[in-house]
C-alpha cells in the first residue's frame, strides 16, 4: 500500500490512551488521531524509529484493549510541548489480533456517528436561536407598529375634536347643541 493509499483512510480525531511495547522499550501516551492504518499520538517518552511494536489502544467502555502490531514511523520532539506530551509518535499498523480490527472499525464508526449527531444538534440549536431572534425582532416590529398606530389614532381623535370645535363656532360651550327652545304656548 503506497503513501497516497494510506492517506485515503479516514483519520478520526480521537483521544484514547495507548501503550507501545517493543522488545526493549515501552511508552505510554494519548492518541491525537486514529485510523485503521495507525495512530498519531503524543507521549512524554521516546521510542526508536522503525522498530516493530505492539500497540494497545485503551478504548472507552471496552474491557480489553485493542491490540495491533506495527512499526514506529516517527518519534519526534514537538517544538512546543503539547499538554499530552512533548513528543509526537506515529505508528503504522500491519495487523491486528483476532477481531480487533473490526472492534476498532466499530469504535471509529461510533465516533463518526457521535460527531454527526453533535453537528446535527449544533445546527438544530443554531436554527432554534435564529428562530428565537426572528420572533424577538418581529415582536419589536409589531410593538413599534402598534405604537405608531396608537399615535395616529390619537392624532386623528385630536383632529376630529378640532373639526368639531370649529363646527360649533366661537363662543359656544363644548357640550351645547343647536336646539331651538320650544315656547310654551
Protein backbone atom coordinates (compact mmCIF):
# COMPACT_ATOMS: atom_id res chain seq x y z
CA UNK A 1 0.00 0.00 0.00
CA UNK A 2 1.55 3.28 -1.12
CA UNK A 3 1.73 6.51 0.85
CA UNK A 4 -1.19 8.02 -1.10
CA UNK A 5 -3.34 4.89 -0.49
CA UNK A 6 -2.70 5.14 3.21
CA UNK A 7 -3.76 8.79 3.23
CA UNK A 8 -7.14 7.79 1.79
CA UNK A 9 -8.10 6.15 5.08
CA UNK A 10 -10.16 8.38 7.31
CA UNK A 11 -8.40 9.67 10.38
CA UNK A 12 -10.55 10.27 13.40
CA UNK A 13 -9.51 12.96 15.83
CA UNK A 14 -9.96 10.97 18.99
CA UNK A 15 -8.05 10.87 22.25
CA UNK A 16 -7.53 7.41 23.71
CA UNK A 17 -4.70 6.18 25.92
CA UNK A 18 -2.21 3.81 24.28
CA UNK A 19 0.79 1.69 25.20
CA UNK A 20 3.56 0.78 22.75
CA UNK A 21 5.82 -2.17 23.52
CA UNK A 22 8.89 -3.28 21.65
CA UNK A 23 11.47 -5.83 22.76
CA UNK A 24 13.39 -3.27 24.79
CA UNK A 25 11.15 -0.22 25.13
CA UNK A 26 7.68 0.68 26.36
CA UNK A 27 5.94 4.04 26.21
CA UNK A 28 2.51 5.36 27.01
CA UNK A 29 0.59 8.37 25.85
CA UNK A 30 -2.61 9.66 24.26
CA UNK A 31 -3.61 9.46 20.61
CA UNK A 32 -4.09 12.57 18.52
CA UNK A 33 -5.85 10.75 15.70
CA UNK A 34 -6.60 7.14 14.89
CA UNK A 35 -7.32 5.25 11.69
CA UNK A 36 -7.39 1.58 10.75
CA UNK A 37 -3.86 2.08 9.42
CA UNK A 38 -2.27 3.58 12.51
CA UNK A 39 -2.09 6.33 15.07
CA UNK A 40 -0.58 9.73 15.55
CA UNK A 41 -0.07 10.35 19.23
CA UNK A 42 1.61 12.32 21.99
CA UNK A 43 3.92 10.91 24.62
CA UNK A 44 6.41 12.19 27.15
CA UNK A 45 8.65 9.20 26.36
CA UNK A 46 10.57 8.40 23.18
CA UNK A 47 10.88 5.21 21.20
CA UNK A 48 13.21 4.32 18.37
CA UNK A 49 12.05 4.78 14.77
CA UNK A 50 11.46 1.75 12.54
CA UNK A 51 11.12 -0.69 15.43
CA UNK A 52 8.30 -3.24 15.42
CA UNK A 53 5.83 -2.61 18.24
CA UNK A 54 2.69 -3.95 19.79
CA UNK A 55 0.16 -1.12 20.24
CA UNK A 56 -2.56 -1.43 22.85
CA UNK A 57 -5.39 1.10 22.39
CA UNK A 58 -7.46 1.50 25.55
CA UNK A 59 -10.90 2.22 24.07
CA UNK A 60 -13.57 3.61 26.44
CA UNK A 61 -16.24 1.16 27.59
CA UNK A 62 -14.23 -1.82 26.35
CA UNK A 63 -12.74 -4.18 28.90
CA UNK A 64 -9.72 -5.31 26.90
CA UNK A 65 -7.50 -3.05 24.80
CA UNK A 66 -7.39 -3.33 21.03
CA UNK A 67 -4.07 -4.87 20.05
CA UNK A 68 -2.37 -4.00 16.77
CA UNK A 69 1.12 -4.84 15.57
CA UNK A 70 3.04 -2.33 13.54
CA UNK A 71 6.10 -0.16 13.14
CA UNK A 72 7.08 3.19 14.61
CA UNK A 73 7.38 5.54 11.65
CA UNK A 74 8.04 8.68 13.63
CA UNK A 75 9.01 9.78 17.11
CA UNK A 76 9.96 13.45 17.14
CA UNK A 77 10.10 16.12 19.82
CA UNK A 78 7.47 18.82 19.38
CA UNK A 79 8.65 22.43 19.01
CA UNK A 80 6.02 23.48 21.56
CA UNK A 81 5.16 20.97 24.24
CA UNK A 82 1.60 19.67 23.96
CA UNK A 83 -0.48 19.13 27.11
CA UNK A 84 -0.43 15.36 26.41
CA UNK A 85 3.31 15.07 25.87
CA UNK A 86 6.47 16.51 24.41
CA UNK A 87 6.89 14.02 21.55
CA UNK A 88 4.80 13.13 18.54
CA UNK A 89 4.69 9.42 17.78
CA UNK A 90 3.43 7.81 14.59
CA UNK A 91 2.72 4.11 14.26
CA UNK A 92 1.76 2.23 11.09
CA UNK A 93 -0.38 -0.85 11.77
CA UNK A 94 0.37 -4.06 9.86
CA UNK A 95 -2.01 -6.49 11.55
CA UNK A 96 -4.45 -6.86 14.44
CA UNK A 97 -5.04 -9.62 16.96
CA UNK A 98 -8.24 -11.64 16.42
CA UNK A 99 -11.25 -9.41 15.73
CA UNK A 100 -9.58 -6.25 17.00
CA UNK A 101 -9.57 -4.62 13.55
CA UNK A 102 -13.38 -4.96 13.44
CA UNK A 103 -13.57 -3.69 17.03
CA UNK A 104 -11.53 -0.62 16.11
CA UNK A 105 -13.62 -0.08 12.98
CA UNK A 106 -16.82 -0.28 15.06
CA UNK A 107 -15.40 2.22 17.59
CA UNK A 108 -14.35 4.65 14.84
CA UNK A 109 -17.78 4.40 13.20
CA UNK A 110 -19.35 5.22 16.57
CA UNK A 111 -17.02 8.24 16.87
CA UNK A 112 -18.17 9.34 13.40
CA UNK A 113 -21.85 8.84 14.32
CA UNK A 114 -21.37 10.77 17.58
CA UNK A 115 -19.73 13.63 15.66
CA UNK A 116 -22.57 13.65 13.15
CA UNK A 117 -25.16 13.74 15.95
CA UNK A 118 -23.26 16.55 17.68
CA UNK A 119 -23.16 18.54 14.44
CA UNK A 120 -26.88 17.96 13.88
CA UNK A 121 -27.62 19.03 17.45
CA UNK A 122 -25.47 22.13 16.91
CA UNK A 123 -27.34 23.03 13.73
CA UNK A 124 -30.65 22.40 15.48
CA UNK A 125 -29.59 24.74 18.30
CA UNK A 126 -28.48 27.38 15.77
CA UNK A 127 -31.85 27.15 14.00
CA UNK A 128 -33.64 27.42 17.36
CA UNK A 129 -31.64 30.52 18.29
CA UNK A 130 -32.18 32.06 14.86
CA UNK A 131 -35.94 31.45 15.15
CA UNK A 132 -35.95 32.99 18.65
CA UNK A 133 -34.07 36.06 17.36
CA UNK A 134 -36.53 36.32 14.46
CA UNK A 135 -39.52 36.11 16.84
CA UNK A 136 -37.96 38.74 19.13
CA UNK A 137 -37.30 41.02 16.19
CA UNK A 138 -40.85 40.51 14.90
CA UNK A 139 -42.27 41.34 18.36
CA UNK A 140 -40.22 44.56 18.36
CA UNK A 141 -41.50 45.43 14.87
CA UNK A 142 -45.08 44.62 15.93
CA UNK A 143 -44.75 46.74 19.08
CA UNK A 144 -43.32 49.63 17.09
CA UNK A 145 -46.18 49.33 14.58
CA UNK A 146 -48.73 49.21 17.42
CA UNK A 147 -47.27 52.37 18.99
CA UNK A 148 -47.30 54.09 15.61
CA UNK A 149 -50.95 53.12 15.08
CA UNK A 150 -51.81 54.38 18.57
CA UNK A 151 -50.11 57.74 17.86
CA UNK A 152 -52.04 58.00 14.57
CA UNK A 153 -55.31 57.15 16.31
CA UNK A 154 -54.71 59.83 18.96
CA UNK A 155 -53.77 62.36 16.27
CA UNK A 156 -56.99 61.58 14.36
CA UNK A 157 -59.02 62.00 17.56
CA UNK A 158 -57.38 65.39 18.21
CA UNK A 159 -58.04 66.46 14.60
CA UNK A 160 -61.64 65.28 14.86
CA UNK A 161 -62.06 67.20 18.10
CA UNK A 162 -60.66 70.35 16.44
CA UNK A 163 -63.01 69.93 13.48
CA UNK A 164 -65.99 69.58 15.81
CA UNK A 165 -64.89 72.63 17.75
CA UNK A 166 -64.76 74.64 14.52
CA UNK A 167 -68.27 73.50 13.54
CA UNK A 168 -69.66 74.65 16.87
CA UNK A 169 -68.28 78.04 16.25
CA UNK A 170 -66.81 80.55 18.68
CA UNK A 171 -68.46 81.17 21.97
CA UNK A 172 -70.46 78.00 22.13
CA UNK A 173 -69.70 75.80 25.01
CA UNK A 174 -68.36 72.39 24.20
CA UNK A 175 -71.44 70.46 25.26
CA UNK A 176 -74.14 72.79 23.88
CA UNK A 177 -76.18 71.89 20.86
CA UNK A 178 -78.06 73.98 18.42
CA UNK A 179 -81.57 73.33 19.76
CA UNK A 180 -84.48 75.64 19.47
CA UNK A 181 -86.38 76.07 22.66
CA UNK A 182 -89.98 75.25 22.38
CA UNK A 183 -92.02 78.04 23.65
CA UNK A 184 -94.81 77.19 25.95
CA UNK A 185 -97.98 78.27 24.41
